[in-house]
Protein backbone atom coordinates (compact mmCIF):
# COMPACT_ATOMS: atom_id res chain seq x y z
CA MET A 1 -57.19 142.60 119.71
CA ILE A 2 -59.47 139.59 121.06
CA PHE A 3 -56.39 137.37 121.20
CA SER A 4 -52.90 137.13 119.58
CA GLU A 5 -50.05 135.14 120.02
CA LEU A 6 -48.03 138.03 119.65
CA TYR A 7 -50.12 140.78 121.83
CA SER A 8 -50.87 138.08 124.41
CA ALA A 9 -46.96 138.20 124.95
CA TYR A 10 -47.49 141.84 126.82
CA TYR A 11 -50.35 140.36 129.08
CA ASN A 12 -48.45 137.19 130.15
CA THR A 13 -45.26 139.68 131.03
CA VAL A 14 -47.53 141.94 132.80
CA ALA A 15 -48.97 139.01 134.95
CA LYS A 16 -45.46 137.93 135.26
CA ILE A 17 -44.25 141.17 136.74
CA MET A 18 -47.30 141.51 138.84
CA GLU A 19 -46.34 138.10 140.71
CA ALA A 20 -42.87 139.14 140.91
CA ALA A 21 -43.82 142.05 142.85
CA PHE A 22 -45.13 140.25 145.72
CA ASP A 23 -41.89 139.33 146.88
CA PRO A 24 -40.79 142.25 149.29
CA ASP A 25 -37.40 142.00 148.11
CA VAL A 26 -38.10 142.44 144.50
CA THR A 27 -35.80 145.36 142.81
CA GLU A 28 -36.39 146.84 139.67
CA LYS A 29 -34.19 145.04 137.40
CA ASP A 30 -35.89 141.66 138.40
CA LEU A 31 -38.60 143.24 136.81
CA VAL A 32 -36.90 144.48 133.98
CA ARG A 33 -35.79 140.79 133.63
CA CYS A 34 -39.16 139.83 133.46
CA VAL A 35 -40.20 142.52 130.45
CA MET A 36 -36.88 140.76 128.38
CA GLU A 37 -37.44 137.32 129.47
CA GLY A 38 -41.19 137.50 128.67
CA ALA A 39 -41.54 140.02 125.88
CA PHE A 40 -39.51 141.70 123.31
CA SER A 41 -36.53 143.63 123.94
CA GLU A 42 -38.40 146.77 123.29
CA SER A 43 -40.84 146.35 125.06
CA VAL A 44 -38.32 147.54 128.29
CA LEU A 45 -39.40 151.14 126.76
CA THR A 46 -43.42 150.87 127.40
CA ILE A 47 -44.15 148.54 130.14
CA LEU A 48 -42.20 149.23 132.88
CA PRO A 49 -42.42 152.94 132.60
CA ALA A 50 -46.11 152.46 132.16
CA LEU A 51 -46.50 150.53 135.32
CA LYS A 52 -44.07 152.72 137.33
CA SER A 53 -45.61 156.32 136.13
CA GLY A 54 -49.39 155.17 137.20
CA LYS A 55 -50.28 154.76 133.55
CA TRP A 56 -51.19 151.33 134.53
CA PRO A 57 -52.48 151.48 137.74
CA LEU A 58 -51.00 148.16 138.88
CA LEU A 59 -48.07 148.88 140.91
CA LYS A 60 -47.46 151.34 143.57
CA GLU A 61 -44.38 153.74 143.53
CA ASP A 62 -42.61 151.44 145.77
CA LEU A 63 -43.35 149.03 143.16
CA SER A 64 -45.55 146.64 145.25
CA PRO A 65 -48.25 145.39 143.58
CA ALA A 66 -51.79 147.53 143.84
CA LEU A 67 -53.85 144.26 143.68
CA GLN A 68 -54.29 141.95 146.68
CA HIS A 69 -54.03 138.69 145.02
CA LYS A 70 -50.97 137.42 142.43
CA PRO A 71 -52.96 137.33 138.76
CA THR A 72 -54.24 134.28 137.03
CA MET A 73 -54.67 134.05 133.53
CA PRO A 74 -57.63 132.25 131.85
CA LEU A 75 -59.02 132.04 129.02
CA THR A 76 -62.34 134.31 128.58
CA THR A 77 -65.57 132.95 126.97
CA LEU A 78 -64.78 135.38 124.38
CA GLU A 79 -61.50 133.99 123.62
CA LYS A 80 -62.32 130.73 123.53
CA ARG A 81 -64.78 131.35 120.89
CA TRP A 82 -62.03 132.97 118.63
CA LEU A 83 -59.67 130.50 118.85
CA LYS A 84 -62.60 127.97 118.04
CA ALA A 85 -63.55 130.33 114.57
CA ILE A 86 -60.15 130.58 113.89
CA ALA A 87 -59.34 126.85 114.71
CA GLY A 88 -61.94 125.99 111.82
CA ASP A 89 -59.40 127.94 109.35
CA PRO A 90 -58.89 125.07 107.18
CA ARG A 91 -55.60 126.43 106.40
CA VAL A 92 -55.01 125.91 110.53
CA LYS A 93 -55.77 122.22 109.75
CA LEU A 94 -52.82 122.05 107.60
CA PHE A 95 -50.61 121.68 110.85
CA GLY A 96 -52.73 119.35 112.27
CA ALA A 97 -53.54 121.09 115.81
CA ALA A 98 -56.60 119.97 117.37
CA LEU A 99 -58.18 121.90 120.70
CA PRO A 100 -60.34 119.23 121.72
CA ALA A 101 -61.15 121.47 125.04
CA LEU A 102 -63.08 123.77 122.74
CA ASP A 103 -65.62 121.11 121.52
CA ASP A 104 -68.23 122.14 123.09
CA VAL A 105 -67.35 125.79 122.67
CA ARG A 106 -69.66 128.07 119.64
CA PRO A 107 -67.11 129.62 117.00
CA LEU A 108 -67.25 133.60 117.43
CA PHE A 109 -67.86 133.56 113.35
CA THR A 110 -67.84 131.01 110.62
CA LYS A 111 -66.97 131.54 106.89
CA GLU A 112 -70.26 132.25 105.98
CA ASP A 113 -70.07 135.38 108.21
CA TYR A 114 -67.63 137.23 106.13
CA LYS A 115 -66.84 137.34 102.14
CA ILE A 116 -63.35 138.02 101.06
CA TYR A 117 -63.18 140.59 97.88
CA ASP A 118 -59.98 140.67 95.87
CA GLN A 119 -58.98 137.52 95.98
CA TYR A 120 -58.43 135.04 93.01
CA ALA A 121 -61.26 132.35 93.41
CA ASP A 122 -58.93 129.17 92.61
CA GLY A 123 -57.30 128.74 95.66
CA ASP A 124 -55.59 126.18 96.88
CA PRO A 125 -57.52 122.77 97.60
CA TYR A 126 -56.70 123.08 101.58
CA GLU A 127 -58.68 120.24 103.01
CA ASP A 128 -57.58 117.74 99.93
CA GLU A 129 -55.83 115.02 101.46
CA THR A 130 -53.11 114.98 98.75
CA TYR A 131 -52.39 118.81 99.43
CA ILE A 132 -52.10 118.38 102.96
CA ARG A 133 -49.70 115.16 102.89
CA HIS A 134 -47.73 117.60 100.91
CA PHE A 135 -47.43 120.23 102.83
CA ARG A 136 -46.76 118.44 106.17
CA GLN A 137 -43.45 116.63 104.05
CA ILE A 138 -42.59 119.68 102.71
CA LEU A 139 -42.69 121.31 106.47
CA SER A 140 -41.15 118.45 107.80
CA ALA A 141 -38.44 118.85 105.58
CA ILE A 142 -37.86 122.79 106.24
CA LYS A 143 -37.57 121.31 110.05
CA ASN A 144 -34.94 118.85 109.62
CA ASN A 145 -33.09 120.58 106.69
CA ARG A 146 -33.73 117.48 104.18
CA PRO A 147 -33.79 117.99 100.51
CA VAL A 148 -36.83 117.05 98.86
CA GLU A 149 -37.83 115.43 95.10
CA ILE A 150 -41.21 116.99 93.85
CA THR A 151 -43.37 116.74 90.40
CA VAL A 152 -44.91 119.37 89.72
CA MET A 153 -48.03 119.47 87.07
CA GLY A 154 -47.48 122.60 84.67
CA ARG A 155 -49.79 124.83 83.21
CA GLN A 156 -49.94 123.15 80.03
CA GLY A 157 -50.55 119.58 81.68
CA LYS A 158 -46.49 118.59 81.57
CA GLU A 159 -45.01 117.26 84.36
CA THR A 160 -41.32 118.42 85.79
CA GLY A 161 -39.34 117.01 88.28
CA ALA A 162 -36.91 119.02 90.50
CA CYS A 163 -34.87 118.02 93.45
CA PHE A 164 -34.26 120.82 96.06
CA TYR A 165 -34.21 122.07 99.95
CA PRO A 166 -36.89 123.58 100.78
CA LYS A 167 -36.51 126.47 103.10
CA GLY A 168 -39.90 128.01 103.83
CA LEU A 169 -43.67 128.52 102.65
CA GLU A 170 -45.37 131.35 101.92
CA TYR A 171 -48.84 132.33 101.83
CA SER A 172 -50.08 135.19 99.15
CA MET A 173 -53.61 136.63 100.45
CA LYS A 174 -54.54 137.65 96.81
CA ASP A 175 -53.92 134.59 95.07
CA ASP A 176 -55.14 132.22 98.11
CA LYS A 177 -52.07 130.09 97.21
CA ILE A 178 -49.02 128.38 99.28
CA ARG A 179 -45.75 128.70 97.58
CA ILE A 180 -42.72 126.49 98.47
CA LEU A 181 -39.55 128.84 98.56
CA ALA A 182 -36.80 126.49 97.42
CA THR A 183 -32.92 126.99 97.28
CA GLY A 184 -30.68 124.31 95.18
CA CYS A 185 -32.43 124.47 91.64
CA LYS A 186 -32.71 126.79 89.23
CA TYR A 187 -36.55 127.95 90.39
CA ARG A 188 -37.02 129.66 93.45
CA ARG A 189 -40.90 129.14 94.04
CA PHE A 190 -43.35 126.34 93.61
CA ASN A 191 -46.82 126.31 93.82
CA LEU A 192 -47.89 123.95 96.39
CA GLY A 193 -51.02 123.26 94.66
CA ARG A 194 -49.31 121.54 91.91
CA VAL A 195 -47.60 119.34 93.27
CA VAL A 196 -48.62 115.55 92.59
CA ARG A 197 -45.52 114.20 94.12
CA CYS A 198 -43.65 114.60 96.83
CA GLU A 199 -40.60 112.55 98.87
CA TYR A 200 -37.79 113.12 100.40
CA TYR A 201 -34.75 112.93 98.15
CA ASP A 202 -31.87 110.42 98.92
CA GLY A 203 -30.06 110.04 95.82
CA PRO A 204 -26.50 110.86 94.80
CA GLY A 205 -25.50 114.35 93.33
CA PRO A 206 -25.25 117.63 94.86
CA TRP A 207 -28.40 117.61 96.85
CA ARG A 208 -26.97 115.89 99.66
CA GLU A 209 -24.62 119.00 99.91
CA ARG A 210 -26.79 121.55 102.61
CA PRO A 211 -27.56 124.80 100.99
CA LEU A 212 -25.01 127.85 102.50
CA MET A 213 -27.10 129.85 105.41
CA GLU A 214 -28.19 133.35 104.15
CA ARG A 215 -25.68 135.99 105.65
CA ARG A 216 -27.16 138.49 108.32
CA ARG A 217 -26.24 141.96 108.12
CA ASP A 218 -26.37 144.81 111.07
CA LEU A 219 -27.96 148.02 111.07
CA THR A 220 -27.99 150.98 113.79
CA LEU A 221 -30.58 153.29 113.21
CA ARG A 222 -31.27 156.61 115.40
CA ILE A 223 -34.95 157.58 115.54
CA THR A 224 -36.37 160.62 116.51
CA ASP A 225 -39.82 160.53 118.31
CA GLU A 226 -41.58 163.21 116.23
CA ARG A 227 -44.74 162.25 114.65
CA ASN A 228 -45.21 158.66 116.39
CA ALA A 229 -41.94 157.71 114.26
CA LEU A 230 -41.03 155.53 117.25
CA GLU A 231 -44.07 153.64 117.56
CA ARG A 232 -44.55 153.20 113.78
CA ALA A 233 -40.81 152.07 113.51
CA MET A 234 -41.19 149.37 116.25
CA LEU A 235 -44.24 148.02 114.13
CA HIS A 236 -42.57 148.49 110.59
CA PHE A 237 -39.68 146.66 111.83
CA ALA A 238 -41.81 144.17 114.34
CA HIS A 239 -40.56 140.87 112.32
CA PHE A 240 -36.77 141.72 112.63
CA GLU A 241 -34.55 140.44 115.88
CA LYS A 242 -33.77 144.15 117.47
CA GLN A 243 -32.84 145.55 120.25
CA ALA A 244 -33.76 149.34 121.31
CA GLU A 245 -32.27 151.81 123.68
CA ARG A 246 -34.02 155.06 124.77
CA LEU A 247 -31.95 158.20 124.93
CA GLU A 248 -32.26 161.08 127.26
CA ASP A 249 -32.73 163.90 124.11
CA ASP A 250 -35.84 162.09 123.35
CA THR A 251 -34.41 159.93 120.57
CA CYS A 252 -33.76 156.12 120.69
CA ILE A 253 -31.25 153.54 118.81
CA LEU A 254 -32.64 150.84 117.24
CA ARG A 255 -30.13 148.15 116.26
CA LEU A 256 -31.37 145.35 114.45
CA LYS A 257 -30.45 142.19 112.25
CA TYR A 258 -31.90 141.60 108.44
CA TYR A 259 -30.61 139.13 105.80
CA GLU A 260 -28.53 140.24 103.02
CA ASN A 261 -30.89 139.49 100.22
CA ASP A 262 -33.54 142.05 101.88
CA GLU A 263 -30.76 145.06 101.58
CA THR A 264 -32.60 146.89 98.56
CA GLU A 265 -35.91 146.69 100.37
CA MET A 266 -34.43 147.44 103.90
CA VAL A 267 -33.15 150.68 102.14
CA ILE A 268 -36.73 151.41 101.25
CA ARG A 269 -37.92 151.17 104.45
CA VAL A 270 -35.80 153.21 106.29
CA LEU A 271 -36.10 156.23 103.36
CA SER A 272 -39.88 155.81 104.29
CA PHE A 273 -39.42 157.44 107.33
CA GLY A 274 -37.81 160.68 106.24
CA PRO A 275 -35.97 162.62 108.33
CA PHE A 276 -36.69 160.91 111.58
CA VAL A 277 -34.54 158.10 110.95
CA LYS A 278 -30.90 158.12 110.53
CA VAL A 279 -28.66 155.58 109.57
CA LEU A 280 -25.67 155.47 111.92
CA GLU A 281 -23.93 152.45 110.73
CA PRO A 282 -22.70 150.30 109.11
CA GLN A 283 -20.92 153.11 106.55
CA SER A 284 -21.86 150.20 103.43
CA PHE A 285 -25.71 150.75 103.92
CA VAL A 286 -25.07 154.92 104.37
CA ARG A 287 -23.56 155.13 101.17
CA LEU A 288 -26.85 152.71 99.71
CA ILE A 289 -28.97 155.39 101.26
CA LYS A 290 -27.04 158.01 99.49
CA GLU A 291 -27.11 156.56 96.23
CA ARG A 292 -30.87 156.62 96.14
CA LEU A 293 -31.11 159.83 97.18
CA ILE A 294 -28.62 161.34 94.25
CA SER A 295 -30.53 158.54 92.03
CA GLN A 296 -33.97 160.19 92.79
CA LYS A 297 -32.85 163.56 92.56
CA SER A 298 -31.38 163.06 89.28
CA CYS A 299 -35.19 161.88 88.14
CA LYS A 300 -36.66 165.13 89.88
CA LEU A 301 -38.20 162.46 92.44
CA LYS A 302 -38.98 164.04 95.83
């Protein structure tokens, strides 16, 4: 990875550890705190052990720094060129992001340098001023938890109105379109590109009632670290809120939270790891696993 908002967290965390290590009174608990504050909870399983073992030769055995000076993290020319290339994507411009410091930087690549296959050619008009205005209106409504009233142009050229609370935006790579995730009306999704009018809704009616928050549930898994199962699980569940705890017998306890509406998808995900992942709790999720396995067996599926 040249640069990534997620992956750079690890580099910044290691830099904080190195800076803290220059304090002669620093303890291992202090370094663990650096990891917990700067990276992800499961990073405790990898970052500090790699530094202590010498796999990453940045700390000595007594946890003192192997470097002579505290680290700095300036952007490299390659990173600046990569950022300039990403900033040129019209989808990034939807957010109004500006990087004036990169005005004199040559982009690492442009859209003429690559071609995307297996994607429809009628993607959304990301550079259209009306489209941009509607996108930012919806984004503002999501952040401020406000209902909106929109008019959508149907496939047959007929306009349809709707009032709802927007709760998210999703992008389809295959369709090259952005969809609005709606709650509070009979439709769950709207194509942003078909919206011809979008305003905050302040009128009377049920739209003034805020939607109930989706319930979240806890799930506890025991992962046996065989066939790289632990690393695969961390990547597979990377976007979930979670905590990981390594045990002495080469296993790991993973506690994560998921939304109730995603329960069926979670069952499928857990089953994809086979015997290397076991559900410890809740028992209701264990029953769902058993029911799905019994259903597969009855269909002679393996």
